[in-house]
């Protein structure tokens, strides 16, 4: 949190950042936030998944004038991104009481007109619908002081470049313009030259943005086979502890129920839980009493549990930034980790977007053969025994074993030890 404070952010923003679980600013946040706070126009060359949304939102929110409406316009290529950014404005601007309105095609324009008339500080929208409002004279043109073009090259690919020029030509009172793009093809450079004047550049490309110690793979399977596939993966992988990510709270509850029905020690973590329930669940997971934590993205923010061996994306995240946040929960403190993503045929585009953002191809693996849960448990206990032998058994325990073997049969002794190891960890008895 101190690192965010050093960037010059105000207390209300720092409080929101802390609640969201952001521990350290990303490289683009470190570079962009001070420059934007100083009032510079900015070109940020960075892919999705580098923390760029917070990189521009935090300083822009800090610079908002109190009591004035419609100060910021954020232009995005898709309605999904518009909604995501508007949601992020609400989270980061929570203690500034900042409101955002998303305007996009496919939604009742009358509702948007009423929202614009009532007034909000931040407007997030797609090019076509923004132009539609400008044409209807329902858009507050003269009030906008800051314009942000998010994923400019994506807007170029979707044929929005002329719309962007029209919007920027209309918004003549703007004082600061920020443009973010993974690449800078010629038409984007023309926009920069024509509308940004003097500007600063922040560049972050060509780097792998996920931890090298994390092995990343995916399995492709139909939606209705996901639970069975997850069980087979768990039986084969034998994670010491794993976090299973789902897209919604309802999905978390469904997956927990199915896993518990199959004999796994799983608990859910999502926004509908009380703080007491959340604390108890995390404590149980940290102590190793819960082997599987099934969670939503928001609920898992800020978790720092070093022994997570696997992160499993039961639902592939909608954007690469979420993917990077998720898999960062494993491979901590120098340990190796594994990230597994379940993908349906229709979700291949989401997988491709993730691979492009992290500059890495995920390896496709075949589902392991079905395995009985008891067999999987036996493999897990046997592995723990073999690991202990390889590390060296303390002499006192070897002496104890010799004495016990004089009194009992070896198979009885080993069976009892296996039972205790699986059902009652020694540390609970001491």
Protein backbone atom coordinates (compact mmCIF):
# COMPACT_ATOMS: atom_id res chain seq x y z
CA UNK A 1 0.00 0.00 0.00
CA UNK A 2 2.92 2.32 0.67
CA UNK A 3 3.95 1.97 -2.99
CA UNK A 4 0.54 3.27 -4.12
CA UNK A 5 0.81 6.12 -1.62
CA UNK A 6 4.18 7.14 -3.12
CA UNK A 7 2.47 7.66 -6.48
CA UNK A 8 0.58 10.61 -5.01
CA UNK A 9 -2.87 9.06 -4.61
CA UNK A 10 -5.37 10.48 -2.11
CA UNK A 11 -6.60 8.68 1.02
CA UNK A 12 -10.09 7.78 -0.37
CA UNK A 13 -8.48 6.09 -3.39
CA UNK A 14 -5.88 4.30 -1.26
CA UNK A 15 -8.68 2.97 0.94
CA UNK A 16 -10.53 1.59 -2.09
CA UNK A 17 -7.33 0.09 -3.55
CA UNK A 18 -6.64 -1.64 -0.24
CA UNK A 19 -10.17 -3.08 -0.07
CA UNK A 20 -9.83 -4.45 -3.60
CA UNK A 21 -6.69 -6.30 -2.54
CA UNK A 22 -4.18 -4.55 -4.82
CA UNK A 23 -0.86 -5.08 -3.06
CA UNK A 24 1.67 -3.47 -5.42
CA UNK A 25 1.24 -1.17 -8.42
CA UNK A 26 2.01 -2.77 -11.79
CA UNK A 27 4.80 -1.29 -13.95
CA UNK A 28 2.39 0.70 -16.10
CA UNK A 29 0.63 2.06 -13.01
CA UNK A 30 3.96 3.20 -11.55
CA UNK A 31 4.81 5.10 -14.73
CA UNK A 32 1.41 6.39 -15.86
CA UNK A 33 -0.24 7.56 -12.62
CA UNK A 34 2.22 10.40 -11.81
CA UNK A 35 2.24 11.62 -15.43
CA UNK A 36 -1.56 11.74 -15.61
CA UNK A 37 -1.76 13.50 -12.24
CA UNK A 38 0.61 16.14 -13.62
CA UNK A 39 -1.86 16.76 -16.45
CA UNK A 40 0.09 15.38 -19.42
CA UNK A 41 -1.52 13.88 -22.48
CA UNK A 42 -0.42 10.25 -22.57
CA UNK A 43 0.06 7.35 -24.96
CA UNK A 44 0.16 4.05 -23.11
CA UNK A 45 1.30 1.10 -25.20
CA UNK A 46 0.23 -1.86 -23.12
CA UNK A 47 -1.88 -4.99 -23.64
CA UNK A 48 -4.90 -5.94 -21.58
CA UNK A 49 -3.79 -7.66 -18.40
CA UNK A 50 -1.16 -5.12 -17.31
CA UNK A 51 -3.36 -3.12 -14.95
CA UNK A 52 -3.93 -0.29 -17.42
CA UNK A 53 -7.55 0.37 -16.40
CA UNK A 54 -6.54 1.30 -12.85
CA UNK A 55 -3.48 3.11 -14.31
CA UNK A 56 -5.74 5.72 -15.90
CA UNK A 57 -8.77 5.56 -13.58
CA UNK A 58 -6.95 6.26 -10.31
CA UNK A 59 -5.35 9.58 -11.36
CA UNK A 60 -8.38 10.67 -13.40
CA UNK A 61 -10.73 10.07 -10.46
CA UNK A 62 -8.39 11.99 -8.16
CA UNK A 63 -8.50 15.02 -10.49
CA UNK A 64 -12.31 15.22 -10.62
CA UNK A 65 -13.75 18.57 -9.55
CA UNK A 66 -16.39 18.19 -6.83
CA UNK A 67 -19.96 18.98 -7.74
CA UNK A 68 -19.41 18.99 -11.51
CA UNK A 69 -20.98 16.42 -13.81
CA UNK A 70 -19.78 14.71 -16.99
CA UNK A 71 -16.10 15.53 -16.63
CA UNK A 72 -14.63 12.33 -18.11
CA UNK A 73 -15.41 10.32 -21.24
CA UNK A 74 -13.92 6.84 -21.67
CA UNK A 75 -14.33 5.31 -25.14
CA UNK A 76 -14.14 1.50 -25.41
CA UNK A 77 -14.53 -0.89 -28.35
CA UNK A 78 -17.18 -3.16 -26.80
CA UNK A 79 -20.11 -2.91 -24.43
CA UNK A 80 -18.53 -5.63 -22.26
CA UNK A 81 -15.46 -3.47 -21.69
CA UNK A 82 -17.64 -0.39 -21.17
CA UNK A 83 -19.57 -2.17 -18.42
CA UNK A 84 -16.36 -3.51 -16.90
CA UNK A 85 -14.74 -0.06 -16.79
CA UNK A 86 -17.90 1.54 -15.40
CA UNK A 87 -17.95 -1.12 -12.68
CA UNK A 88 -14.29 -0.41 -11.90
CA UNK A 89 -15.07 3.32 -11.59
CA UNK A 90 -17.65 2.44 -8.94
CA UNK A 91 -15.18 0.29 -7.00
CA UNK A 92 -12.18 2.64 -7.16
CA UNK A 93 -14.29 5.77 -6.68
CA UNK A 94 -16.32 4.28 -3.81
CA UNK A 95 -15.11 6.75 -1.18
CA UNK A 96 -15.16 9.69 -3.57
CA UNK A 97 -18.82 8.91 -4.29
CA UNK A 98 -18.14 8.95 -8.02
CA UNK A 99 -20.78 7.62 -10.41
CA UNK A 100 -20.34 6.22 -13.90
CA UNK A 101 -22.81 5.59 -16.70
CA UNK A 102 -22.21 3.07 -19.50
CA UNK A 103 -23.75 3.97 -22.88
CA UNK A 104 -23.72 1.37 -25.64
CA UNK A 105 -25.77 -0.05 -28.47
CA UNK A 106 -28.36 -2.69 -27.75
CA UNK A 107 -29.63 -0.96 -24.60
CA UNK A 108 -32.74 1.26 -24.44
CA UNK A 109 -31.48 4.70 -25.47
CA UNK A 110 -34.24 6.41 -23.49
CA UNK A 111 -32.80 5.07 -20.26
CA UNK A 112 -29.37 6.37 -21.27
CA UNK A 113 -30.79 9.80 -22.11
CA UNK A 114 -32.39 10.01 -18.66
CA UNK A 115 -29.09 8.97 -17.04
CA UNK A 116 -27.14 11.61 -18.98
CA UNK A 117 -29.73 14.26 -18.10
CA UNK A 118 -29.50 13.46 -14.37
CA UNK A 119 -25.72 13.73 -14.62
CA UNK A 120 -22.78 11.50 -13.69
CA UNK A 121 -19.08 12.30 -13.33
CA UNK A 122 -17.80 9.60 -15.71
CA UNK A 123 -19.34 8.41 -18.99
CA UNK A 124 -18.08 5.15 -20.50
CA UNK A 125 -19.29 4.18 -23.95
CA UNK A 126 -18.84 2.65 -27.36
CA UNK A 127 -18.13 4.98 -30.33
CA UNK A 128 -21.39 4.41 -32.23
CA UNK A 129 -23.68 5.06 -29.29
CA UNK A 130 -21.67 8.11 -28.15
CA UNK A 131 -22.05 9.61 -31.65
CA UNK A 132 -25.76 8.78 -31.54
CA UNK A 133 -26.15 10.83 -28.35
CA UNK A 134 -24.07 13.67 -29.82
CA UNK A 135 -26.36 13.69 -32.87
CA UNK A 136 -29.47 13.78 -30.64
CA UNK A 137 -27.91 16.61 -28.58
CA UNK A 138 -28.30 14.48 -25.45
CA UNK A 139 -24.56 14.31 -24.79
CA UNK A 140 -22.92 16.96 -22.51
CA UNK A 141 -20.24 17.98 -25.04
CA UNK A 142 -19.05 21.19 -23.35
CA UNK A 143 -18.52 19.59 -19.90
CA UNK A 144 -16.01 16.89 -20.89
CA UNK A 145 -12.46 17.78 -19.82
CA UNK A 146 -10.73 14.38 -20.03
CA UNK A 147 -11.04 11.84 -22.86
CA UNK A 148 -9.62 8.32 -22.67
CA UNK A 149 -9.38 5.96 -25.65
CA UNK A 150 -9.10 2.43 -24.27
CA UNK A 151 -7.89 -0.38 -26.59
CA UNK A 152 -7.56 1.99 -29.54
CA UNK A 153 -6.21 -0.68 -31.91
CA UNK A 154 -9.23 -2.87 -31.16
CA UNK A 155 -11.49 0.03 -32.13
CA UNK A 156 -9.50 0.40 -35.34
CA UNK A 157 -9.98 -3.33 -36.13
CA UNK A 158 -13.73 -2.96 -35.54
CA UNK A 159 -13.98 -0.03 -37.98
CA UNK A 160 -14.50 2.74 -35.43
CA UNK A 161 -11.59 4.99 -36.45
CA UNK A 162 -13.81 7.55 -38.27
CA UNK A 163 -16.23 7.61 -35.33
CA UNK A 164 -13.35 8.34 -32.95
CA UNK A 165 -12.19 11.25 -35.12
CA UNK A 166 -15.73 12.64 -35.20
CA UNK A 167 -16.04 12.41 -31.41
CA UNK A 168 -12.67 14.08 -30.78
CA UNK A 169 -13.47 16.84 -33.28
CA UNK A 170 -16.69 17.53 -31.36
CA UNK A 171 -15.13 17.57 -27.88
CA UNK A 172 -13.19 20.81 -28.32
CA UNK A 173 -13.10 21.70 -24.60
CA UNK A 174 -11.06 18.68 -23.56
CA UNK A 175 -7.90 19.48 -21.59
CA UNK A 176 -6.33 16.03 -21.34
CA UNK A 177 -6.40 13.10 -23.75
CA UNK A 178 -5.15 9.61 -22.91
CA UNK A 179 -4.79 6.81 -25.44
CA UNK A 180 -4.10 3.16 -24.59
CA UNK A 181 -3.35 0.56 -27.21
CA UNK A 182 -1.48 -2.76 -27.40
CA UNK A 183 -0.08 -1.79 -30.82
CA UNK A 184 0.32 1.52 -32.68
CA UNK A 185 -0.56 1.01 -36.36
CA UNK A 186 -0.45 4.00 -38.73
CA UNK A 187 -4.12 5.12 -38.29
CA UNK A 188 -3.65 5.20 -34.50
CA UNK A 189 -0.44 7.21 -34.90
CA UNK A 190 -2.43 9.65 -37.06
CA UNK A 191 -5.00 10.05 -34.25
CA UNK A 192 -2.15 10.72 -31.81
CA UNK A 193 -0.55 13.31 -34.10
CA UNK A 194 -3.83 15.04 -34.86
CA UNK A 195 -5.40 15.20 -31.40
CA UNK A 196 -2.82 14.77 -28.63
CA UNK A 197 -0.35 17.59 -29.31
CA UNK A 198 2.47 17.26 -26.78
CA UNK A 199 2.30 13.96 -24.92
CA UNK A 200 4.25 11.52 -22.78
CA UNK A 201 4.70 7.84 -23.63
CA UNK A 202 4.53 4.78 -21.38
CA UNK A 203 5.47 1.55 -23.09
CA UNK A 204 5.10 -1.97 -21.77
CA UNK A 205 5.11 -4.64 -24.47
CA UNK A 206 6.78 -7.91 -25.36
CA UNK A 207 7.08 -9.18 -21.82
CA UNK A 208 5.59 -12.27 -20.29
CA UNK A 209 3.35 -10.90 -17.56
CA UNK A 210 2.78 -14.07 -15.57
CA UNK A 211 5.07 -15.81 -13.13
CA UNK A 212 7.47 -18.22 -14.92
CA UNK A 213 7.20 -20.70 -12.01
CA UNK A 214 3.54 -21.31 -12.90
CA UNK A 215 2.87 -24.10 -15.40
CA UNK A 216 -0.19 -23.12 -17.44
CA UNK A 217 -2.37 -25.67 -19.24
CA UNK A 218 -5.95 -26.00 -20.43
CA UNK A 219 -8.51 -28.72 -21.09
CA UNK A 220 -11.23 -28.38 -23.71
CA UNK A 221 -14.54 -30.04 -22.83
CA UNK A 222 -18.31 -29.48 -23.14
CA UNK A 223 -20.06 -27.35 -20.52
CA UNK A 224 -22.12 -30.27 -19.18
CA UNK A 225 -18.96 -32.34 -18.55
CA UNK A 226 -17.07 -29.73 -16.53
CA UNK A 227 -17.82 -31.11 -13.05
CA UNK A 228 -16.83 -34.63 -14.03
CA UNK A 229 -13.73 -33.26 -15.76
CA UNK A 230 -12.80 -31.26 -12.66
CA UNK A 231 -13.10 -34.40 -10.49
CA UNK A 232 -10.83 -36.35 -12.84
CA UNK A 233 -8.26 -33.54 -12.84
CA UNK A 234 -8.30 -33.33 -9.03
CA UNK A 235 -7.88 -37.10 -8.68
CA UNK A 236 -4.93 -37.03 -11.06
CA UNK A 237 -3.22 -33.83 -9.91
CA UNK A 238 -3.68 -34.42 -6.15
CA UNK A 239 -3.26 -30.74 -5.20
CA UNK A 240 -2.10 -29.98 -1.68
CA UNK A 241 -4.50 -27.05 -1.82
CA UNK A 242 -6.30 -25.48 -4.76
CA UNK A 243 -8.43 -22.44 -5.52
CA UNK A 244 -11.20 -23.09 -8.06
CA UNK A 245 -12.46 -19.90 -9.73
CA UNK A 246 -16.04 -19.48 -10.94
CA UNK A 247 -17.72 -16.60 -12.75
CA UNK A 248 -20.74 -16.11 -10.45
CA UNK A 249 -21.84 -16.62 -6.84
CA UNK A 250 -24.48 -19.12 -7.95
CA UNK A 251 -21.86 -21.11 -9.81
CA UNK A 252 -19.64 -21.19 -6.70
CA UNK A 253 -22.47 -22.71 -4.65
CA UNK A 254 -23.22 -25.29 -7.34
CA UNK A 255 -19.57 -26.38 -7.68
CA UNK A 256 -19.09 -26.62 -3.88
CA UNK A 257 -22.20 -28.78 -3.60
CA UNK A 258 -21.05 -31.11 -6.39
CA UNK A 259 -17.50 -31.42 -5.01
CA UNK A 260 -18.71 -32.16 -1.47
CA UNK A 261 -21.13 -34.73 -2.87
CA UNK A 262 -18.13 -36.44 -4.49
CA UNK A 263 -16.22 -36.52 -1.20
CA UNK A 264 -13.92 -33.49 -1.47
CA UNK A 265 -13.41 -30.99 1.35
CA UNK A 266 -14.56 -27.84 -0.48
CA UNK A 267 -15.85 -24.49 0.73
CA UNK A 268 -17.13 -21.46 -1.17
CA UNK A 269 -16.09 -17.82 -0.98
CA UNK A 270 -18.22 -15.08 -2.53
CA UNK A 271 -19.73 -11.66 -1.95
CA UNK A 272 -22.98 -12.82 -0.32
CA UNK A 273 -21.11 -14.24 2.67
CA UNK A 274 -20.89 -12.32 5.95
CA UNK A 275 -17.47 -11.12 7.11
CA UNK A 276 -17.56 -13.77 9.86
CA UNK A 277 -18.25 -16.57 7.35
CA UNK A 278 -15.53 -15.25 5.05
CA UNK A 279 -12.97 -15.10 7.89
CA UNK A 280 -13.79 -18.65 9.04
CA UNK A 281 -13.56 -20.02 5.50
CA UNK A 282 -10.18 -18.42 4.82
CA UNK A 283 -8.87 -19.57 8.23
CA UNK A 284 -9.97 -23.15 7.50
CA UNK A 285 -8.22 -23.02 4.13
CA UNK A 286 -5.02 -21.54 5.58
CA UNK A 287 -4.90 -24.27 8.25
CA UNK A 288 -5.26 -26.95 5.58
CA UNK A 289 -8.62 -28.21 6.86
CA UNK A 290 -10.21 -27.22 3.53
CA UNK A 291 -8.38 -28.54 0.48
CA UNK A 292 -10.47 -26.76 -2.15
CA UNK A 293 -11.56 -23.12 -2.02
CA UNK A 294 -14.17 -22.27 -4.67
CA UNK A 295 -14.33 -18.51 -5.21
CA UNK A 296 -15.33 -15.59 -7.39
CA UNK A 297 -12.71 -13.07 -8.56
CA UNK A 298 -13.81 -10.31 -6.20
CA UNK A 299 -14.00 -12.58 -3.14
CA UNK A 300 -10.44 -13.86 -3.73
CA UNK A 301 -8.88 -10.38 -3.93
CA UNK A 302 -6.14 -9.91 -1.37
CA UNK A 303 -5.77 -13.60 -0.48
CA UNK A 304 -2.17 -14.43 0.36
CA UNK A 305 -1.89 -18.17 1.02
CA UNK A 306 1.59 -19.50 0.16
CA UNK A 307 0.78 -23.23 -0.06
CA UNK A 308 -1.70 -23.13 -2.95
CA UNK A 309 -0.34 -25.68 -5.42
CA UNK A 310 -3.04 -25.26 -8.09
CA UNK A 311 -5.37 -22.60 -9.44
CA UNK A 312 -8.21 -24.02 -11.53
CA UNK A 313 -10.34 -21.79 -13.74
CA UNK A 314 -13.61 -23.73 -13.76
CA UNK A 315 -14.95 -20.80 -15.78
CA UNK A 316 -12.43 -19.10 -18.06
CA UNK A 317 -12.23 -15.39 -17.09
CA UNK A 318 -13.80 -12.82 -19.40
CA UNK A 319 -10.59 -10.78 -19.66
CA UNK A 320 -6.84 -11.49 -19.45
CA UNK A 321 -6.37 -9.17 -16.48
CA UNK A 322 -8.61 -11.42 -14.35
CA UNK A 323 -6.67 -14.47 -15.56
CA UNK A 324 -3.39 -12.97 -14.39
CA UNK A 325 -4.85 -12.01 -11.00
CA UNK A 326 -6.26 -15.51 -10.58
CA UNK A 327 -3.20 -17.57 -11.40
CA UNK A 328 -1.02 -15.28 -9.28
CA UNK A 329 -2.53 -17.09 -6.29
CA UNK A 330 -0.21 -20.06 -6.93
CA UNK A 331 3.56 -20.28 -7.45
CA UNK A 332 4.21 -18.04 -4.43
CA UNK A 333 7.37 -17.69 -2.38
CA UNK A 334 9.48 -19.41 -5.03
CA UNK A 335 7.31 -22.54 -5.09
CA UNK A 336 6.15 -24.11 -8.32
CA UNK A 337 2.48 -23.81 -9.15
CA UNK A 338 0.09 -25.01 -11.81
CA UNK A 339 -2.77 -23.10 -13.44
CA UNK A 340 -5.47 -25.17 -15.13
CA UNK A 341 -8.23 -23.67 -17.27
CA UNK A 342 -11.38 -25.45 -18.44
CA UNK A 343 -12.45 -24.18 -21.86
CA UNK A 344 -15.54 -24.94 -23.94
CA UNK A 345 -15.41 -24.82 -27.73
CA UNK A 346 -17.22 -21.46 -27.78
CA UNK A 347 -14.68 -19.95 -25.38
CA UNK A 348 -11.67 -20.40 -27.66
CA UNK A 349 -11.62 -16.65 -28.43
CA UNK A 350 -11.27 -15.85 -24.72
CA UNK A 351 -8.37 -18.30 -24.51
CA UNK A 352 -6.69 -16.69 -27.52
CA UNK A 353 -7.06 -13.22 -25.98
CA UNK A 354 -5.38 -14.47 -22.79
CA UNK A 355 -2.50 -16.02 -24.74
CA UNK A 356 -1.94 -12.79 -26.69
CA UNK A 357 -2.01 -10.67 -23.55
CA UNK A 358 0.49 -12.80 -21.61
CA UNK A 359 2.63 -13.48 -24.69
CA UNK A 360 2.53 -17.20 -24.02
CA UNK A 361 0.77 -20.24 -25.49
CA UNK A 362 -1.03 -22.47 -23.01
CA UNK A 363 -0.46 -26.19 -23.43
CA UNK A 364 -3.54 -28.26 -24.18
CA UNK A 365 -3.74 -31.49 -22.16
CA UNK A 366 -6.04 -34.50 -22.40
CA UNK A 367 -8.33 -35.28 -19.50
CA UNK A 368 -6.89 -38.03 -17.27
CA UNK A 369 -8.63 -41.38 -17.14
CA UNK A 370 -11.40 -41.71 -14.54
CA UNK A 371 -10.06 -42.68 -11.13
CA UNK A 372 -11.87 -43.75 -7.99
CA UNK A 373 -11.70 -41.19 -5.18
CA UNK A 374 -10.35 -43.80 -2.76
CA UNK A 375 -7.58 -44.65 -5.23
CA UNK A 376 -6.76 -40.94 -5.55
CA UNK A 377 -6.61 -40.57 -1.76
CA UNK A 378 -4.30 -43.57 -1.53
CA UNK A 379 -1.99 -42.02 -4.13
CA UNK A 380 -1.95 -38.75 -2.19
CA UNK A 381 -1.06 -40.42 1.14
CA UNK A 382 1.54 -42.64 -0.53
CA UNK A 383 3.14 -39.57 -2.09
CA UNK A 384 3.34 -37.87 1.30
CA UNK A 385 5.02 -40.96 2.77
CA UNK A 386 7.52 -41.21 -0.08
CA UNK A 387 8.31 -37.49 0.17
CA UNK A 388 9.01 -37.91 3.89
CA UNK A 389 11.30 -40.90 3.26
CA UNK A 390 13.23 -38.98 0.60
CA UNK A 391 13.77 -36.07 3.01
CA UNK A 392 15.00 -38.45 5.72
CA UNK A 393 13.03 -39.88 8.65
CA UNK A 394 14.29 -38.61 12.06
CA UNK A 395 16.12 -41.26 14.10
CA UNK A 396 13.64 -41.05 17.01
CA UNK A 397 10.79 -42.11 14.72
CA UNK A 398 12.81 -44.98 13.24
CA UNK A 399 13.50 -46.21 16.77
CA UNK A 400 9.79 -45.94 17.60
CA UNK A 401 8.94 -47.93 14.46
CA UNK A 402 11.34 -50.76 15.45
CA UNK A 403 9.69 -51.05 18.89
CA UNK A 404 6.18 -51.09 17.44
CA UNK A 405 7.12 -53.76 14.89
CA UNK A 406 8.05 -56.04 17.78
CA UNK A 407 4.47 -55.77 19.08
CA UNK A 408 2.29 -55.57 15.96
CA UNK A 409 2.19 -56.89 12.39
CA UNK A 410 3.72 -54.53 9.83
CA UNK A 411 0.57 -54.31 7.65
CA UNK A 412 -1.55 -53.38 10.71
CA UNK A 413 0.92 -50.68 11.74
CA UNK A 414 1.25 -49.21 8.26
CA UNK A 415 -2.54 -49.30 7.75
CA UNK A 416 -3.09 -47.44 11.03
CA UNK A 417 -0.43 -44.86 10.10
CA UNK A 418 -2.04 -44.30 6.69
CA UNK A 419 -5.47 -43.91 8.30
CA UNK A 420 -4.17 -41.34 10.77
CA UNK A 421 -2.28 -39.49 8.07
CA UNK A 422 -5.40 -39.20 5.91
CA UNK A 423 -7.98 -38.48 8.60
CA UNK A 424 -6.27 -36.92 11.63
CA UNK A 425 -3.15 -34.82 10.93
CA UNK A 426 -0.59 -35.22 13.72
CA UNK A 427 -0.42 -31.48 14.51
CA UNK A 428 -4.08 -31.53 15.63
CA UNK A 429 -3.21 -34.08 18.33
CA UNK A 430 -0.25 -32.16 19.75
